[in-house]
Amino acid sequence: MIVKRFFDAKLAQTSYLIACGKVGVAVVVDPIRDVDEYIRVAAAEQVRITHVTETHIHADFVSGARDLAKRTGAQLLLSDEGDANWQYAYAEADGATLVKDGYEFMVGNVRLRVVHTPGHTPEHIAFVITDMAAADEPISIATGDFVFVGDVGRPDLLERAAKVKGTMESSARALFASLQKFKQYPDWMQIWPGHGAGSACGKGLSAVPHSTVGYEKRFNWAFGITDEDTFVHAVLEGQPEPPNYFAQMKRINKEGPAPFDSAHCPPTVGLAELRTALANGTPVVDTRRADEFAKRHVTGTINIPLNRSFNTWAGALLPFDREFLLIADHSTAAEAVRELAMVGLDRVAGTMPTNVIVEWVMAGGTVETVRQISATDLAAHIASGDAAVIDVRGAAEWNEGHIAGAPNIPLAFLPDRLAELPQVKTLVLQCKGGGRSSIASSLLLARGLRVANLVGGFDAWEAAGLPVQKPD
């Protein structure tokens, strides 16, 4: 048996190619939208992709299962668990095989058995994998978003992201039941999870790539709780806010994702298109580092740095229903376009290199800076009453401790909650270390508000020994 693990750092997502080298066939589990890598690796291993499947209708990235099956001629296997709201609308048209708990299929000498594992989502399945050429007992289970290393899949997304009211508790109870069944597996079975640290599909995922059933039963917090009501409270408490785009991903992946064309590149545009976009209210995203943007940027543009969090904040803050422009040098433009496509943001109308800022100034355009403020200076401004702090961290972070009087408006929700901003001379944006607050500062500055960014964030505030409000 051949196993290849694929990890996309920006999505914190893991997919797997599992092959029978003797027969030369393979299955891919949970592919992302950019499927070229799976095809390349299969060719390098001299195997054909004959099966493609996924554990559930994903909410945090656009699935590549449909496209990969079409490109390779593979059999597409999709979950038939869950009610009508959680079934694939394109399955019949694509000739997909719908599978339920207990369904088995062979990939050469490798057997995969479907296990229904509801809780994270109603239709969620996992795959128990047995290398029949070597053993008659399973070697592993591909758990998707059911069991992670150190955590379990969050059961609140159905309500908080997909807007299905009143489902958090019932989903948590379904997850508890699934975990009790999971305990039956032998301790030596490996766990191949669908996400790692950085994913919003849980609240405490480890960066360790894989684990065993025995290790998780011993050290994963979820297995240490034997009372159902206690588990329900624990699993729902402290979950991070789901990014706004999760509902979009559910819709796209349920209805049928369009293929990603890795060769497509939006046109390069210039001053005329930039001027028109700003005049029309079309979003213009500067993908440079936050410190570069803070020093000088075109008035009215926003900053989402092309780093590991780019997908998350682009998906949360950019529109899915209209076009937008990117400021990104030629060396990074293709990467930015690809990362946006992974979360369904396909409407990039054009890209422009960063030297457009110089051209903009030479043509008489205005530029701005993002004021940076230290913790001690902020304390003085708060005391004088001419500044107010907006904490853009998650609610769980805020609840653990915050600057006294600072309201909590998580970054993903900031554009929709502008009416809640206090009417003061200067709004100071603050997060944990300064990354999220830099993005928030650019959003408010583009709307004409007077803002500043707290350098070093809440960490710097605490390090300076300034007062912190903590729960009783």
Protein backbone atom coordinates (compact mmCIF):
# COMPACT_ATOMS: atom_id res chain seq x y z
CA MET A 1 0.00 0.00 0.00
CA ILE A 2 1.21 3.48 -0.89
CA VAL A 3 0.03 6.52 1.12
CA LYS A 4 0.71 10.10 0.09
CA ARG A 5 -0.35 12.95 2.38
CA PHE A 6 -1.08 16.39 0.91
CA PHE A 7 -1.23 19.36 3.28
CA ASP A 8 -2.30 22.84 2.19
CA ALA A 9 -0.87 25.19 4.81
CA LYS A 10 -3.19 28.14 4.10
CA LEU A 11 -6.28 25.94 4.34
CA ALA A 12 -4.73 23.78 7.09
CA GLN A 13 -6.33 20.94 5.13
CA THR A 14 -5.12 17.39 4.52
CA SER A 15 -6.02 15.03 1.70
CA TYR A 16 -4.70 11.58 0.90
CA LEU A 17 -3.80 9.44 -2.07
CA ILE A 18 -4.00 5.77 -1.06
CA ALA A 19 -2.77 3.31 -3.66
CA CYS A 20 -2.21 -0.34 -4.28
CA GLY A 21 1.21 -0.38 -5.91
CA LYS A 22 0.92 -4.00 -7.03
CA VAL A 23 -2.22 -3.38 -9.10
CA GLY A 24 -1.35 0.24 -9.90
CA VAL A 25 -4.60 1.91 -8.77
CA ALA A 26 -5.40 4.64 -6.23
CA VAL A 27 -8.15 6.50 -4.38
CA VAL A 28 -7.96 10.17 -3.40
CA VAL A 29 -9.78 11.25 -0.23
CA ASP A 30 -10.86 14.88 0.32
CA PRO A 31 -9.07 16.58 -2.60
CA ILE A 32 -8.95 20.37 -2.75
CA ARG A 33 -9.93 22.32 -5.87
CA ASP A 34 -6.45 22.43 -7.41
CA VAL A 35 -6.22 18.79 -8.50
CA ASP A 36 -3.05 18.95 -10.61
CA GLU A 37 -0.85 17.77 -7.73
CA TYR A 38 -2.81 14.55 -7.23
CA ILE A 39 -2.52 13.72 -10.92
CA ARG A 40 1.21 14.50 -10.90
CA VAL A 41 1.90 12.36 -7.83
CA ALA A 42 -0.17 9.48 -9.16
CA ALA A 43 1.86 9.52 -12.36
CA ALA A 44 5.12 9.63 -10.39
CA GLU A 45 3.99 6.60 -8.37
CA GLN A 46 2.88 4.87 -11.58
CA VAL A 47 -0.70 4.39 -10.41
CA ARG A 48 -4.06 5.37 -11.91
CA ILE A 49 -6.61 7.30 -9.85
CA THR A 50 -9.62 5.00 -10.12
CA HIS A 51 -11.66 6.27 -7.14
CA VAL A 52 -12.28 9.74 -5.70
CA THR A 53 -14.22 10.40 -2.51
CA GLU A 54 -14.66 12.82 0.37
CA THR A 55 -15.79 12.66 3.95
CA HIS A 56 -18.50 15.34 3.81
CA ILE A 57 -19.74 18.53 2.15
CA HIS A 58 -16.87 20.79 3.10
CA ALA A 59 -17.42 24.29 4.47
CA ASP A 60 -13.89 25.70 4.51
CA PHE A 61 -12.68 25.12 0.95
CA VAL A 62 -13.97 24.28 -2.50
CA SER A 63 -13.82 20.54 -3.10
CA GLY A 64 -11.87 19.09 -6.01
CA ALA A 65 -13.57 15.68 -5.89
CA ARG A 66 -15.94 16.34 -8.77
CA ASP A 67 -13.26 17.75 -11.08
CA LEU A 68 -10.66 15.12 -10.22
CA ALA A 69 -13.11 12.30 -10.98
CA LYS A 70 -13.96 13.85 -14.34
CA ARG A 71 -10.35 14.45 -15.32
CA THR A 72 -9.21 10.94 -14.44
CA GLY A 73 -12.36 8.98 -15.29
CA ALA A 74 -12.44 7.74 -11.70
CA GLN A 75 -15.48 6.48 -9.85
CA LEU A 76 -16.84 9.27 -7.64
CA LEU A 77 -18.17 8.09 -4.27
CA LEU A 78 -20.24 10.49 -2.14
CA SER A 79 -22.07 10.22 1.16
CA ASP A 80 -25.75 9.31 1.04
CA GLU A 81 -26.20 9.90 4.76
CA GLY A 82 -28.04 12.90 6.17
CA ASP A 83 -31.37 14.33 5.01
CA ALA A 84 -32.19 16.11 1.74
CA ASN A 85 -30.45 19.28 2.91
CA TRP A 86 -27.16 17.40 3.14
CA GLN A 87 -27.08 15.47 -0.10
CA TYR A 88 -25.12 16.29 -3.23
CA ALA A 89 -27.27 18.00 -5.85
CA TYR A 90 -24.94 16.99 -8.71
CA ALA A 91 -24.45 13.34 -7.73
CA GLU A 92 -26.95 11.83 -10.19
CA ALA A 93 -25.86 13.98 -13.14
CA ASP A 94 -22.22 13.02 -12.54
CA GLY A 95 -22.99 9.33 -12.12
CA ALA A 96 -21.64 9.29 -8.57
CA THR A 97 -21.93 6.22 -6.38
CA LEU A 98 -23.81 7.11 -3.20
CA VAL A 99 -22.56 5.29 -0.12
CA LYS A 100 -23.87 4.63 3.36
CA ASP A 101 -22.53 3.16 6.57
CA GLY A 102 -21.02 -0.27 5.96
CA TYR A 103 -20.40 0.17 2.22
CA GLU A 104 -17.08 -1.34 1.12
CA PHE A 105 -15.01 -0.90 -2.01
CA MET A 106 -11.66 -2.21 -3.15
CA VAL A 107 -8.78 -0.23 -4.62
CA GLY A 108 -6.61 -3.08 -5.77
CA ASN A 109 -5.75 -4.94 -2.58
CA VAL A 110 -6.78 -2.03 -0.34
CA ARG A 111 -10.25 -2.17 1.21
CA LEU A 112 -12.12 0.94 2.34
CA ARG A 113 -15.19 0.61 4.53
CA VAL A 114 -17.56 3.55 5.01
CA VAL A 115 -18.48 4.50 8.58
CA HIS A 116 -21.19 7.08 9.23
CA THR A 117 -19.82 9.59 11.77
CA PRO A 118 -22.42 12.36 12.20
CA GLY A 119 -21.86 15.33 14.49
CA HIS A 120 -19.66 17.75 12.62
CA THR A 121 -22.23 17.48 9.83
CA PRO A 122 -25.15 15.05 9.40
CA GLU A 123 -23.76 13.35 6.29
CA HIS A 124 -20.17 12.98 7.52
CA ILE A 125 -18.46 9.65 6.86
CA ALA A 126 -15.02 8.20 7.61
CA PHE A 127 -13.09 5.43 5.88
CA VAL A 128 -11.65 2.40 7.66
CA ILE A 129 -8.68 1.23 5.58
CA THR A 130 -7.28 -2.29 5.41
CA ASP A 131 -4.22 -3.34 3.42
CA MET A 132 -5.48 -6.81 2.49
CA ALA A 133 -2.12 -7.79 1.03
CA ALA A 134 -0.54 -7.49 4.46
CA ALA A 135 -3.28 -8.01 7.06
CA ASP A 136 -6.93 -8.84 7.61
CA GLU A 137 -7.40 -6.04 10.16
CA PRO A 138 -7.46 -2.31 9.41
CA ILE A 139 -4.36 -0.16 9.55
CA SER A 140 -6.06 3.21 9.76
CA ILE A 141 -9.15 5.35 9.60
CA ALA A 142 -9.37 8.52 7.50
CA THR A 143 -11.45 10.63 9.87
CA GLY A 144 -11.99 13.82 7.87
CA ASP A 145 -13.45 16.44 10.21
CA PHE A 146 -14.64 13.89 12.80
CA VAL A 147 -11.58 13.21 14.95
CA PHE A 148 -8.46 15.35 14.78
CA VAL A 149 -5.19 15.05 16.64
CA GLY A 150 -6.08 16.55 20.01
CA ASP A 151 -9.58 17.68 19.09
CA VAL A 152 -12.85 16.78 17.36
CA GLY A 153 -14.83 18.43 14.60
CA ARG A 154 -16.99 21.28 15.79
CA PRO A 155 -20.75 20.58 15.77
CA ASP A 156 -21.91 24.20 15.69
CA LEU A 157 -21.20 24.99 12.03
CA LEU A 158 -24.58 23.71 10.88
CA GLU A 159 -26.19 26.49 12.88
CA ARG A 160 -23.56 29.20 12.97
CA ALA A 161 -22.30 28.95 9.38
CA ALA A 162 -25.06 27.20 7.42
CA LYS A 163 -27.75 29.09 9.42
CA VAL A 164 -29.79 26.00 10.28
CA LYS A 165 -31.29 27.20 13.55
CA GLY A 166 -31.50 25.06 16.66
CA THR A 167 -29.06 22.37 15.54
CA MET A 168 -25.96 22.96 17.67
CA GLU A 169 -27.03 20.85 20.63
CA SER A 170 -28.46 17.99 18.59
CA SER A 171 -25.29 17.91 16.46
CA ALA A 172 -23.15 17.87 19.61
CA ARG A 173 -25.14 14.90 20.93
CA ALA A 174 -24.74 13.12 17.58
CA LEU A 175 -21.00 13.75 17.79
CA PHE A 176 -20.89 12.30 21.31
CA ALA A 177 -22.62 9.14 20.07
CA SER A 178 -20.20 8.86 17.15
CA LEU A 179 -17.25 9.13 19.54
CA GLN A 180 -18.59 6.33 21.71
CA LYS A 181 -18.69 4.04 18.68
CA PHE A 182 -15.21 5.21 17.70
CA LYS A 183 -13.82 3.88 20.99
CA GLN A 184 -14.40 0.32 19.76
CA TYR A 185 -11.45 0.51 17.37
CA PRO A 186 -8.15 -1.03 18.47
CA ASP A 187 -5.60 1.31 19.99
CA TRP A 188 -3.01 0.59 17.30
CA MET A 189 -5.20 1.89 14.43
CA GLN A 190 -3.77 5.03 12.89
CA ILE A 191 -5.84 8.21 12.55
CA TRP A 192 -5.46 10.22 9.36
CA PRO A 193 -7.35 13.49 10.00
CA GLY A 194 -8.59 16.02 7.46
CA HIS A 195 -7.19 19.13 9.17
CA GLY A 196 -4.31 20.34 11.29
CA ALA A 197 -3.45 23.37 13.40
CA GLY A 198 -4.84 26.58 11.96
CA SER A 199 -8.16 25.18 10.80
CA ALA A 200 -11.39 26.81 11.95
CA CYS A 201 -13.09 23.38 11.95
CA GLY A 202 -12.08 22.86 15.59
CA LYS A 203 -10.79 24.90 18.50
CA GLY A 204 -7.56 23.16 19.48
CA LEU A 205 -6.12 21.11 16.64
CA SER A 206 -2.58 19.82 16.99
CA ALA A 207 0.11 20.42 14.38
CA VAL A 208 1.04 16.72 14.61
CA PRO A 209 0.02 15.22 11.24
CA HIS A 210 -1.45 11.91 12.42
CA SER A 211 -2.10 9.86 15.54
CA THR A 212 -3.55 6.57 16.77
CA VAL A 213 -6.88 5.62 18.28
CA GLY A 214 -5.15 4.70 21.53
CA TYR A 215 -3.29 7.97 21.82
CA GLU A 216 -6.43 10.03 21.20
CA LYS A 217 -8.45 7.99 23.70
CA ARG A 218 -5.76 8.73 26.25
CA PHE A 219 -4.96 12.40 25.53
CA ASN A 220 -7.71 13.96 23.37
CA TRP A 221 -9.93 16.02 25.68
CA ALA A 222 -13.13 14.80 23.98
CA PHE A 223 -12.50 11.19 25.00
CA GLY A 224 -11.95 12.14 28.61
CA ILE A 225 -15.59 13.18 29.04
CA THR A 226 -18.01 10.32 29.59
CA ASP A 227 -21.14 12.30 30.45
CA GLU A 228 -23.13 13.43 27.41
CA ASP A 229 -24.40 16.72 28.84
CA THR A 230 -20.91 17.68 30.02
CA PHE A 231 -19.53 16.90 26.59
CA VAL A 232 -22.20 18.99 24.84
CA HIS A 233 -21.32 22.00 26.98
CA ALA A 234 -17.58 21.51 26.53
CA VAL A 235 -17.60 21.02 22.76
CA LEU A 236 -19.78 24.08 22.14
CA GLU A 237 -17.91 26.34 24.53
CA GLY A 238 -15.14 28.54 23.16
CA GLN A 239 -15.50 27.65 19.49
CA PRO A 240 -14.04 30.35 17.22
CA GLU A 241 -16.34 32.38 15.04
CA PRO A 242 -16.80 30.55 11.72
CA PRO A 243 -15.67 32.70 8.79
CA ASN A 244 -18.56 34.16 6.79
CA TYR A 245 -17.58 32.27 3.67
CA PHE A 246 -18.30 28.87 5.24
CA ALA A 247 -21.96 29.13 4.19
CA GLN A 248 -20.83 29.90 0.63
CA MET A 249 -18.58 26.84 0.60
CA LYS A 250 -21.42 24.59 1.74
CA ARG A 251 -23.59 25.86 -1.10
CA ILE A 252 -20.87 25.55 -3.74
CA ASN A 253 -19.84 22.06 -2.68
CA LYS A 254 -23.43 20.84 -2.42
CA GLU A 255 -24.53 22.23 -5.79
CA GLY A 256 -21.37 21.23 -7.65
CA PRO A 257 -18.02 23.06 -7.75
CA ALA A 258 -16.72 24.35 -11.07
CA PRO A 259 -13.23 23.15 -12.08
CA PHE A 260 -10.20 25.27 -11.32
CA ASP A 261 -8.10 26.29 -14.31
CA SER A 262 -4.54 26.60 -13.04
CA ALA A 263 -3.46 28.16 -16.33
CA HIS A 264 -5.95 31.02 -16.14
CA CYS A 265 -4.56 34.37 -15.06
CA PRO A 266 -6.63 37.57 -14.82
CA PRO A 267 -5.43 40.48 -16.97
CA THR A 268 -2.88 42.96 -15.74
CA VAL A 269 -4.53 46.36 -15.33
CA GLY A 270 -3.30 49.85 -14.55
CA LEU A 271 -4.19 53.32 -13.32
CA ALA A 272 -7.38 53.68 -15.35
CA GLU A 273 -8.88 50.49 -13.94
CA LEU A 274 -7.72 51.37 -10.43
CA ARG A 275 -9.31 54.81 -10.64
CA THR A 276 -12.58 53.38 -11.95
CA ALA A 277 -12.70 50.67 -9.29
CA LEU A 278 -12.22 53.11 -6.43
CA ALA A 279 -14.83 55.45 -7.87
CA ASN A 280 -17.36 52.63 -8.22
CA GLY A 281 -16.76 51.08 -4.83
CA THR A 282 -15.15 47.96 -6.29
CA PRO A 283 -12.89 46.39 -3.66
CA VAL A 284 -9.17 46.78 -4.32
CA VAL A 285 -7.04 44.43 -2.22
CA ASP A 286 -3.39 45.22 -1.54
CA THR A 287 -1.67 41.90 -0.79
CA ARG A 288 1.60 43.32 0.55
CA ARG A 289 2.83 42.82 4.11
CA ALA A 290 0.99 44.83 6.74
CA ASP A 291 4.04 46.98 7.56
CA GLU A 292 4.51 47.90 3.90
CA PHE A 293 0.85 48.80 3.52
CA ALA A 294 0.97 50.88 6.71
CA LYS A 295 3.83 53.00 5.39
CA ARG A 296 2.02 53.99 2.21
CA HIS A 297 -0.94 52.74 0.22
CA VAL A 298 -3.50 54.02 -2.26
CA THR A 299 -6.36 55.73 -0.45
CA GLY A 300 -9.43 53.50 -0.38
CA THR A 301 -7.63 50.17 -0.80
CA ILE A 302 -7.70 47.44 1.85
CA ASN A 303 -4.92 45.17 3.03
CA ILE A 304 -5.12 41.38 3.21
CA PRO A 305 -1.51 40.17 3.31
CA LEU A 306 -0.64 37.11 1.24
CA ASN A 307 0.38 34.97 4.19
CA ARG A 308 -0.94 31.79 5.82
CA SER A 309 -4.18 33.53 6.81
CA PHE A 310 -4.88 34.97 3.36
CA ASN A 311 -7.63 32.47 2.45
CA THR A 312 -9.41 32.92 5.76
CA TRP A 313 -9.63 36.69 5.70
CA ALA A 314 -10.20 37.00 1.97
CA GLY A 315 -13.07 34.53 2.23
CA ALA A 316 -14.52 36.39 5.19
CA LEU A 317 -14.20 39.93 3.84
CA LEU A 318 -14.43 39.87 0.03
CA PRO A 319 -17.65 39.61 -1.99
CA PHE A 320 -18.58 36.41 -3.81
CA ASP A 321 -21.13 38.15 -6.02
CA ARG A 322 -19.03 40.87 -7.67
CA GLU A 323 -15.61 41.57 -9.05
CA PHE A 324 -12.56 42.97 -7.26
CA LEU A 325 -8.96 43.90 -8.07
CA LEU A 326 -5.66 42.80 -6.58
CA ILE A 327 -2.43 44.68 -6.03
CA ALA A 328 0.24 41.98 -6.24
CA ASP A 329 3.57 41.76 -8.02
CA HIS A 330 3.94 39.35 -10.91
CA SER A 331 5.82 36.89 -8.68
CA THR A 332 2.87 36.60 -6.26
CA ALA A 333 -0.20 37.39 -8.38
CA ALA A 334 -0.68 33.80 -9.57
CA GLU A 335 -0.39 32.52 -6.01
CA ALA A 336 -2.97 35.03 -4.78
CA VAL A 337 -5.41 34.12 -7.54
CA ARG A 338 -5.00 30.42 -6.80
CA GLU A 339 -5.53 30.88 -3.07
CA LEU A 340 -8.68 32.89 -3.67
CA ALA A 341 -10.02 30.19 -5.99
CA MET A 342 -9.53 27.58 -3.26
CA VAL A 343 -12.28 29.34 -1.28
CA GLY A 344 -14.48 30.10 -4.28
CA LEU A 345 -13.44 33.70 -4.93
CA ASP A 346 -13.12 33.50 -8.70
CA ARG A 347 -14.10 37.02 -9.69
CA VAL A 348 -10.67 38.64 -9.83
CA ALA A 349 -11.16 41.25 -12.56
CA GLY A 350 -7.48 42.11 -12.78
CA THR A 351 -4.16 42.38 -11.00
CA MET A 352 -1.68 45.21 -10.85
CA PRO A 353 1.94 45.29 -9.64
CA THR A 354 2.87 47.22 -6.51
CA ASN A 355 4.63 49.92 -8.52
CA VAL A 356 1.14 51.14 -9.41
CA ILE A 357 1.33 53.01 -6.10
CA VAL A 358 4.23 55.10 -7.39
CA GLU A 359 2.39 55.69 -10.67
CA TRP A 360 -0.71 56.66 -8.71
CA VAL A 361 1.21 59.31 -6.78
CA MET A 362 2.87 60.66 -9.94
CA ALA A 363 -0.57 60.98 -11.50
CA GLY A 364 -1.79 63.06 -8.56
CA GLY A 365 -3.55 60.31 -6.61
CA THR A 366 -3.68 60.38 -2.83
CA VAL A 367 -2.04 57.89 -0.50
CA GLU A 368 -2.42 57.19 3.21
CA THR A 369 -0.55 55.63 6.09
CA VAL A 370 -1.84 53.52 8.96
CA ARG A 371 -0.97 55.17 12.24
CA GLN A 372 0.79 52.81 14.66
CA ILE A 373 0.39 53.34 18.39
CA SER A 374 2.22 51.78 21.33
CA ALA A 375 0.49 50.29 24.36
CA THR A 376 1.67 53.06 26.70
CA ASP A 377 0.58 55.81 24.32
CA LEU A 378 -2.78 54.12 23.90
CA ALA A 379 -3.27 54.06 27.67
CA ALA A 380 -2.69 57.81 27.76
CA HIS A 381 -5.17 58.43 24.94
CA ILE A 382 -7.81 56.30 26.64
CA ALA A 383 -7.31 58.27 29.85
CA SER A 384 -7.77 61.55 28.00
CA GLY A 385 -10.93 60.27 26.33
CA ASP A 386 -9.90 60.94 22.74
CA ALA A 387 -9.56 57.30 21.64
CA ALA A 388 -11.51 54.07 21.93
CA VAL A 389 -10.28 50.52 21.45
CA ILE A 390 -12.02 47.93 19.26
CA ASP A 391 -10.92 44.37 20.02
CA VAL A 392 -11.16 42.33 16.79
CA ARG A 393 -10.15 38.98 18.29
CA GLY A 394 -12.57 36.10 18.65
CA ALA A 395 -15.11 36.14 21.45
CA ALA A 396 -13.36 33.31 23.31
CA GLU A 397 -10.09 35.29 23.34
CA TRP A 398 -11.87 38.42 24.51
CA ASN A 399 -13.61 36.53 27.31
CA GLU A 400 -10.27 35.33 28.67
CA GLY A 401 -9.10 38.91 29.15
CA HIS A 402 -9.32 42.28 27.42
CA ILE A 403 -8.59 45.96 27.71
CA ALA A 404 -11.20 47.48 30.00
CA GLY A 405 -14.02 49.07 28.05
CA ALA A 406 -12.94 47.59 24.71
CA PRO A 407 -15.93 46.11 22.87
CA ASN A 408 -15.45 42.88 20.97
CA ILE A 409 -16.20 42.90 17.24
CA PRO A 410 -14.40 39.94 15.59
CA LEU A 411 -12.66 40.90 12.36
CA ALA A 412 -14.89 38.73 10.16
CA PHE A 413 -17.98 40.63 11.35
CA LEU A 414 -16.51 44.13 11.40
CA PRO A 415 -17.91 45.32 8.02
CA ASP A 416 -21.44 44.37 9.12
CA ARG A 417 -21.21 46.03 12.54
CA LEU A 418 -19.96 49.50 11.71
CA ALA A 419 -22.98 51.05 13.41
CA GLU A 420 -21.67 49.75 16.74
CA LEU A 421 -18.41 51.71 16.54
CA PRO A 422 -18.12 54.43 19.19
CA GLN A 423 -18.15 58.02 18.00
CA VAL A 424 -14.74 59.17 19.12
CA LYS A 425 -11.82 61.03 17.62
CA THR A 426 -9.71 57.91 16.96
CA LEU A 427 -10.55 54.23 16.82
CA VAL A 428 -7.67 51.99 17.85
CA LEU A 429 -7.85 48.47 16.45
CA GLN A 430 -6.40 45.68 18.58
CA CYS A 431 -6.01 41.91 18.30
CA LYS A 432 -3.55 39.46 19.88
CA GLY A 433 -0.35 40.40 18.08
CA GLY A 434 -1.26 43.00 15.47
CA GLY A 435 -2.09 40.93 12.37
CA ARG A 436 -5.88 40.97 12.40
CA SER A 437 -6.01 44.54 13.68
CA SER A 438 -3.87 45.66 10.73
CA ILE A 439 -6.48 44.28 8.33
CA ALA A 440 -9.25 45.85 10.41
CA SER A 441 -7.46 49.21 10.36
CA SER A 442 -7.32 49.13 6.57
CA LEU A 443 -11.04 48.33 6.34
CA LEU A 444 -12.06 51.27 8.49
CA LEU A 445 -9.51 53.63 6.97
CA ALA A 446 -10.90 52.84 3.51
CA ARG A 447 -14.30 53.95 4.83
CA GLY A 448 -12.91 57.32 5.84
CA LEU A 449 -12.62 56.72 9.58
CA ARG A 450 -9.70 57.92 11.69
CA VAL A 451 -7.91 54.84 12.99
CA ALA A 452 -4.72 53.57 14.56
CA ASN A 453 -3.29 50.08 15.01
CA LEU A 454 -2.04 48.87 18.39
CA VAL A 455 1.51 47.65 17.80
CA GLY A 456 1.96 44.18 19.25
CA GLY A 457 -1.72 43.94 20.16
CA PHE A 458 -3.02 42.60 23.43
CA ASP A 459 0.27 40.79 24.03
CA ALA A 460 2.09 44.13 24.09
CA TRP A 461 -0.56 45.63 26.37
CA GLU A 462 -0.11 42.81 28.90
CA ALA A 463 3.67 42.91 28.59
CA ALA A 464 3.60 46.62 29.47
CA GLY A 465 1.84 45.76 32.74
CA LEU A 466 -1.28 47.72 31.83
CA PRO A 467 -4.62 46.79 33.43
CA VAL A 468 -6.58 43.91 31.96
CA GLN A 469 -10.21 43.06 32.58
CA LYS A 470 -10.67 39.33 33.17
CA PRO A 471 -13.72 37.20 33.93
CA ASP A 472 -14.64 36.73 37.57
